[in-house]
Protein backbone atom coordinates (compact mmCIF):
# COMPACT_ATOMS: atom_id res chain seq x y z
CA MET A 1 12.45 2.94 -25.50
CA SER A 2 8.94 4.20 -26.19
CA PRO A 3 6.04 3.05 -24.03
CA THR A 4 4.31 -0.17 -25.09
CA VAL A 5 1.43 0.20 -22.64
CA PRO A 6 0.07 3.25 -20.85
CA LEU A 7 0.05 1.57 -17.45
CA VAL A 8 2.09 -1.09 -15.66
CA ALA A 9 1.45 -2.00 -12.03
CA ILE A 10 3.83 -3.95 -9.81
CA PHE A 11 2.86 -5.33 -6.43
CA GLY A 12 5.01 -7.08 -3.89
CA PRO A 13 5.66 -7.41 -0.18
CA THR A 14 7.46 -4.91 2.01
CA ALA A 15 11.29 -4.87 1.76
CA LEU A 16 11.32 -6.79 -1.52
CA GLY A 17 12.98 -3.96 -3.43
CA LYS A 18 9.97 -2.82 -5.47
CA THR A 19 11.28 0.74 -5.71
CA ASP A 20 14.45 -0.37 -7.51
CA VAL A 21 12.37 -2.41 -9.94
CA ALA A 22 9.92 0.48 -10.48
CA LEU A 23 12.78 2.89 -11.15
CA ALA A 24 14.45 0.63 -13.67
CA LEU A 25 11.10 -0.04 -15.35
CA ALA A 26 10.17 3.65 -15.51
CA GLU A 27 13.54 4.42 -17.06
CA ARG A 28 13.07 1.75 -19.73
CA LEU A 29 9.52 2.84 -20.54
CA ASP A 30 10.03 6.62 -20.29
CA GLY A 31 7.61 6.46 -17.41
CA GLU A 32 6.56 8.11 -14.18
CA ILE A 33 6.04 6.30 -10.88
CA VAL A 34 2.76 6.41 -8.97
CA ALA A 35 3.00 5.13 -5.39
CA ALA A 36 0.11 2.97 -4.16
CA ASP A 37 0.87 2.78 -0.46
CA SER A 38 -1.35 3.67 2.48
CA MET A 39 1.58 4.98 4.55
CA GLN A 40 3.73 6.72 1.95
CA VAL A 41 1.01 9.30 1.28
CA TYR A 42 1.90 11.02 4.58
CA SER A 43 4.40 13.87 4.79
CA GLY A 44 7.09 14.30 7.43
CA VAL A 45 7.76 10.59 7.93
CA PRO A 46 10.10 9.49 5.11
CA ILE A 47 12.07 7.04 7.26
CA LEU A 48 9.02 5.51 8.91
CA THR A 49 7.29 4.89 5.58
CA ASN A 50 10.36 4.22 3.40
CA GLN A 51 9.54 7.00 0.97
CA SER A 52 11.34 7.78 -2.24
CA THR A 53 11.86 11.36 -3.35
CA THR A 54 12.52 12.89 -6.74
CA GLY A 55 16.16 13.33 -5.85
CA GLN A 56 16.54 9.71 -4.84
CA VAL A 57 14.95 8.41 -8.02
CA GLY A 58 17.31 10.11 -10.42
CA GLY A 59 14.88 12.71 -11.67
CA ILE A 60 12.08 10.28 -12.55
CA ALA A 61 8.76 11.79 -11.49
CA HIS A 62 7.33 10.12 -8.41
CA HIS A 63 3.69 10.85 -7.57
CA LEU A 64 1.39 10.52 -4.54
CA VAL A 65 4.15 10.46 -1.95
CA ALA A 66 4.25 12.75 1.11
CA PHE A 67 1.24 14.89 0.15
CA VAL A 68 -1.07 14.30 3.15
CA ASP A 69 -0.70 15.83 6.62
CA PRO A 70 0.03 12.93 9.02
CA HIS A 71 -2.39 14.35 11.58
CA ARG A 72 -5.49 14.08 9.41
CA GLU A 73 -7.47 11.05 8.35
CA PHE A 74 -7.12 10.03 4.71
CA SER A 75 -9.23 7.39 3.01
CA VAL A 76 -8.61 5.02 0.13
CA ALA A 77 -11.54 6.68 -1.67
CA GLU A 78 -9.65 9.99 -1.55
CA TYR A 79 -6.54 8.25 -2.78
CA ALA A 80 -8.48 6.77 -5.70
CA ARG A 81 -9.51 10.23 -6.90
CA PHE A 82 -5.92 11.51 -6.74
CA ALA A 83 -4.63 8.37 -8.45
CA ARG A 84 -7.06 8.50 -11.34
CA GLN A 85 -6.32 12.16 -11.95
CA THR A 86 -2.58 11.49 -11.84
CA LEU A 87 -2.83 8.51 -14.19
CA SER A 88 -4.88 10.54 -16.65
CA GLU A 89 -2.30 13.34 -16.59
CA ILE A 90 0.55 10.90 -17.20
CA ALA A 91 -1.33 9.32 -20.11
CA GLY A 92 -1.98 12.80 -21.48
CA ARG A 93 1.78 13.40 -21.56
CA GLY A 94 2.16 10.24 -23.63
CA ARG A 95 4.14 8.49 -20.93
CA THR A 96 3.79 5.18 -19.11
CA ALA A 97 2.49 5.16 -15.54
CA VAL A 98 4.32 2.66 -13.34
CA ILE A 99 2.20 1.94 -10.27
CA GLU A 100 4.35 0.72 -7.40
CA GLY A 101 2.28 -0.86 -4.66
CA GLY A 102 2.68 -2.53 -1.32
CA SER A 103 -0.88 -1.84 -0.13
CA GLY A 104 -3.28 -4.15 -1.92
CA LEU A 105 -6.29 -1.93 -1.34
CA TYR A 106 -4.48 1.10 -2.77
CA VAL A 107 -3.36 -0.85 -5.85
CA ARG A 108 -6.97 -1.88 -6.46
CA ALA A 109 -8.07 1.73 -5.99
CA ALA A 110 -5.46 3.05 -8.42
CA LEU A 111 -6.60 0.50 -10.98
CA GLY A 112 -10.20 1.58 -10.58
CA ARG A 113 -11.34 -1.72 -9.11
CA LEU A 114 -13.13 -0.56 -5.97
CA ASP A 115 -16.65 0.78 -5.66
CA PHE A 116 -16.86 3.90 -3.49
CA GLY A 117 -20.50 4.59 -4.26
CA VAL A 118 -21.72 4.31 -0.67
CA PRO A 119 -21.27 7.55 1.31
CA PRO A 120 -20.12 7.35 4.94
CA ASN A 121 -22.77 6.56 7.54
CA ARG A 122 -21.07 8.26 10.46
CA ALA A 123 -23.63 7.37 13.13
CA LEU A 124 -23.43 3.70 12.18
CA ARG A 125 -19.65 3.87 12.05
CA VAL A 126 -19.43 5.23 15.59
CA GLU A 127 -21.68 2.42 16.80
CA LEU A 128 -19.60 -0.21 14.99
CA GLU A 129 -16.33 1.24 16.27
CA GLN A 130 -17.61 1.00 19.82
CA ARG A 131 -18.71 -2.59 19.26
CA ILE A 132 -15.47 -3.72 17.63
CA ALA A 133 -13.44 -2.28 20.50
CA GLY A 134 -15.24 -4.64 22.85
CA ASP A 135 -15.95 -7.68 20.68
CA PRO A 136 -14.12 -7.76 17.33
CA ALA A 137 -15.12 -11.37 16.63
CA ALA A 138 -18.82 -10.52 16.83
CA VAL A 139 -18.45 -7.59 14.42
CA TYR A 140 -16.54 -9.75 11.95
CA ALA A 141 -19.25 -12.43 12.25
CA ASP A 142 -21.85 -9.79 11.37
CA LEU A 143 -19.80 -8.87 8.30
CA ALA A 144 -19.51 -12.52 7.27
CA ARG A 145 -23.31 -12.83 7.40
CA ALA A 146 -23.99 -9.52 5.66
CA ASP A 147 -21.34 -9.86 2.92
CA PRO A 148 -19.31 -13.09 2.81
CA GLU A 149 -17.19 -11.87 -0.11
CA ALA A 150 -16.16 -8.71 1.71
CA ALA A 151 -15.44 -10.74 4.85
CA ALA A 152 -13.16 -13.05 2.88
CA ARG A 153 -11.21 -10.10 1.45
CA VAL A 154 -10.91 -7.86 4.48
CA ASP A 155 -7.88 -7.77 6.77
CA ARG A 156 -9.35 -9.01 10.05
CA ALA A 157 -6.43 -7.51 11.96
CA ASN A 158 -7.43 -4.01 10.81
CA PRO A 159 -10.54 -2.88 12.74
CA ARG A 160 -11.06 0.16 10.48
CA ARG A 161 -11.31 -2.04 7.39
CA VAL A 162 -13.75 -4.42 9.09
CA VAL A 163 -15.91 -1.54 10.31
CA ARG A 164 -15.99 0.16 6.90
CA ALA A 165 -16.85 -3.09 5.11
CA LEU A 166 -19.73 -3.76 7.49
CA GLU A 167 -20.85 -0.14 7.31
CA ILE A 168 -21.10 -0.44 3.52
CA ALA A 169 -22.84 -3.80 3.69
CA LEU A 170 -25.45 -2.56 6.15
CA THR A 171 -25.94 0.78 4.40
CA ARG A 172 -26.26 -0.58 0.89
CA GLY A 173 -27.42 -4.05 1.69
CA ASP A 174 -25.32 -5.96 -0.84
CA GLY A 175 -21.76 -5.50 0.36
CA ALA A 176 -18.57 -3.82 -0.76
CA ARG A 177 -17.87 -5.65 -3.96
CA PRO A 178 -15.26 -4.80 -6.59
CA ALA A 179 -16.46 -2.72 -9.48
CA GLY A 180 -15.03 -5.27 -11.93
CA ASP A 181 -12.11 -7.55 -12.70
CA ARG A 182 -10.54 -5.65 -15.59
CA LEU A 183 -7.66 -3.25 -15.18
CA TRP A 184 -8.51 0.40 -15.45
CA ALA A 185 -8.09 1.39 -19.08
CA ALA A 186 -5.73 4.32 -19.55
CA GLY A 187 -4.50 6.17 -22.57
CA ALA A 188 -5.64 6.52 -26.13
CA GLY A 189 -8.02 3.91 -27.42
CA GLY A 190 -8.63 2.43 -23.98
CA ALA A 191 -5.45 0.37 -24.14
CA GLY A 192 -5.09 -1.66 -20.97
CA GLY A 193 -2.16 -2.24 -18.66
CA ARG A 194 -0.56 -5.19 -16.95
CA LEU A 195 -0.32 -6.12 -13.28
CA PHE A 196 2.79 -7.95 -12.11
CA ALA A 197 3.13 -9.71 -8.75
CA LEU A 198 6.73 -9.93 -7.54
CA GLU A 199 7.30 -13.18 -5.66
CA PRO A 200 10.19 -13.25 -3.19
CA ASP A 201 12.42 -15.90 -1.71
CA ARG A 202 11.33 -16.06 1.94
CA ASP A 203 14.86 -16.31 3.38
CA GLU A 204 16.09 -13.41 1.25
CA LEU A 205 13.11 -11.35 2.32
CA ARG A 206 13.69 -12.00 6.03
CA ALA A 207 17.27 -10.78 5.66
CA ARG A 208 16.09 -7.68 3.78
CA ILE A 209 13.52 -6.91 6.49
CA ASP A 210 16.18 -7.15 9.20
CA ALA A 211 18.55 -4.92 7.25
CA ARG A 212 15.86 -2.35 6.50
CA ILE A 213 14.83 -1.98 10.13
CA ASP A 214 18.45 -1.63 11.24
CA ARG A 215 18.91 1.07 8.60
CA MET A 216 15.75 2.89 9.71
CA PHE A 217 17.10 3.27 13.24
CA ALA A 218 20.52 4.29 11.94
CA ASP A 219 18.91 6.93 9.73
CA GLY A 220 17.05 8.58 12.62
CA LEU A 221 13.71 6.80 12.98
CA VAL A 222 13.38 7.54 16.70
CA ALA A 223 13.89 11.28 16.23
CA GLU A 224 11.44 11.33 13.34
CA VAL A 225 8.71 9.61 15.37
CA GLU A 226 9.43 11.86 18.36
CA ALA A 227 8.93 14.94 16.17
CA LEU A 228 5.71 13.45 14.78
CA LEU A 229 4.27 12.83 18.24
CA ARG A 230 5.26 16.27 19.51
CA SER A 231 3.57 18.01 16.60
CA GLY A 232 0.11 16.67 17.44
CA THR A 233 -1.97 13.51 17.44
CA PRO A 234 -1.21 11.42 14.35
CA SER A 235 -4.05 9.99 12.28
CA ARG A 236 -5.27 6.53 13.13
CA THR A 237 -3.59 5.18 10.00
CA VAL A 238 -0.20 6.69 10.85
CA VAL A 239 -0.40 5.32 14.39
CA GLN A 240 -0.67 1.84 12.86
CA ALA A 241 2.59 2.27 10.94
CA ILE A 242 5.19 -0.23 12.07
CA GLY A 243 7.64 1.73 14.20
CA VAL A 244 5.36 4.32 15.78
CA ARG A 245 4.30 2.13 18.68
CA GLU A 246 7.84 0.86 19.20
CA CYS A 247 9.52 4.26 19.12
CA ALA A 248 6.90 5.75 21.43
CA ALA A 249 7.53 2.98 23.96
CA LEU A 250 11.28 3.40 23.56
CA LEU A 251 11.05 7.14 24.16
CA ALA A 252 8.93 6.52 27.25
CA GLY A 253 11.50 4.09 28.65
CA GLN A 254 9.06 1.18 28.51
CA ILE A 255 11.25 -0.96 26.25
CA ASP A 256 14.88 -0.92 25.12
CA LEU A 257 16.28 -0.69 21.60
CA ASP A 258 16.62 -4.45 21.14
CA GLU A 259 12.96 -4.94 22.09
CA ALA A 260 11.88 -2.19 19.68
CA VAL A 261 13.83 -3.78 16.83
CA ALA A 262 12.48 -7.26 17.61
CA SER A 263 8.89 -5.99 17.69
CA MET A 264 9.25 -4.18 14.36
CA ARG A 265 10.75 -7.26 12.73
CA SER A 266 7.95 -9.47 14.02
CA ARG A 267 5.20 -7.08 12.92
CA THR A 268 6.79 -6.60 9.50
CA ARG A 269 6.90 -10.35 8.93
CA ARG A 270 3.22 -10.60 9.81
CA LEU A 271 2.50 -7.78 7.37
CA VAL A 272 4.41 -9.61 4.65
CA ARG A 273 2.37 -12.76 5.23
CA ARG A 274 -0.82 -10.76 4.75
CA GLN A 275 0.57 -9.14 1.61
CA LEU A 276 1.53 -12.52 0.15
CA THR A 277 -1.93 -13.90 0.94
CA TRP A 278 -3.53 -10.94 -0.83
CA MET A 279 -1.14 -11.36 -3.77
CA ARG A 280 -2.17 -14.98 -4.27
CA LYS A 281 -5.76 -13.80 -4.75
CA LEU A 282 -4.92 -11.59 -7.73
CA PRO A 283 -6.63 -13.36 -10.65
CA ASP A 284 -5.04 -11.42 -13.47
CA ALA A 285 -1.51 -10.79 -12.18
CA VAL A 286 1.55 -12.03 -14.02
CA ARG A 287 3.81 -13.59 -11.41
CA ILE A 288 7.52 -12.81 -11.52
CA ALA A 289 10.03 -14.62 -9.31
CA THR A 290 12.67 -12.30 -7.86
CA ALA A 291 14.92 -14.71 -5.92
CA GLY A 292 18.59 -14.09 -6.69
CA ARG A 293 17.78 -11.62 -9.48
CA SER A 294 18.77 -8.01 -9.93
CA PRO A 295 16.15 -5.31 -10.56
CA GLY A 296 17.41 -5.17 -14.14
CA ASP A 297 16.77 -8.88 -14.64
CA VAL A 298 13.26 -8.56 -13.23
CA VAL A 299 12.55 -5.60 -15.49
CA GLN A 300 13.80 -7.53 -18.52
CA GLU A 301 11.20 -10.23 -17.84
CA ILE A 302 8.47 -7.64 -17.30
CA ILE A 303 9.34 -5.99 -20.62
CA ARG A 304 9.24 -9.35 -22.41
CA ARG A 305 5.78 -10.04 -21.02
CA LEU A 306 4.22 -6.72 -21.95
CA PRO A 307 1.76 -6.72 -24.88
């Protein structure tokens, strides 16, 4: 089947099965997959970040996975530059780009919907980081006053995001607003893409989360995290990955395996709630229910709803 659009993006919560849907969609559209995930960019941690590889995806090209050293900081602005170059190259090959995203900010960046025009203000950032460590509520209140729209969008549980949003608001004076509400145009003639939000059944998703975490431990998660920690200090983003804190405490004898599993399940469910909240704010997404449906069934509906 030849491509009908140059770009299709799918977003959904962790453990939903987005990769299976993306694979089936890429196969139908003669496409290539572009990951939009803040954790999957890091190399050396495939179990921790649930990465796909070319071998696992049946030969379908899979981009922007495992290309960043886990010990260095990596920003969404950097990701945006890589993503836009990759999308342009895929369009130049006459193929469809299938963006697979679990990180809302990275999906927006891949679609060209974030403004990165304000350069870092490192002195201000250090000051804000010191303040948020002592009084996060006060820093968030400052952001709400400086840029209410950014405050409404930001993940309050992520101090780095709050600090960067306030840094931009104070540096530029008018906040970190989206560059626009239209999907990034890719391909000949500026033809647009479509964004699909995959909506899960909550009970199904809980079971999938539990099964995924059990599988991660069975596949060697603890050894992978141990090797990561021994090789140097991970970046602040990698340290936030669900499983790092738990495995480090397990290795130190501070908790047992059951406690590590329970903590990871609880944190993953909180992450899913944030992802679902973000997904409900997507104004131009086509919503696709996934409850009780195979990846093939979901792809069939996506295909029917393409232009």
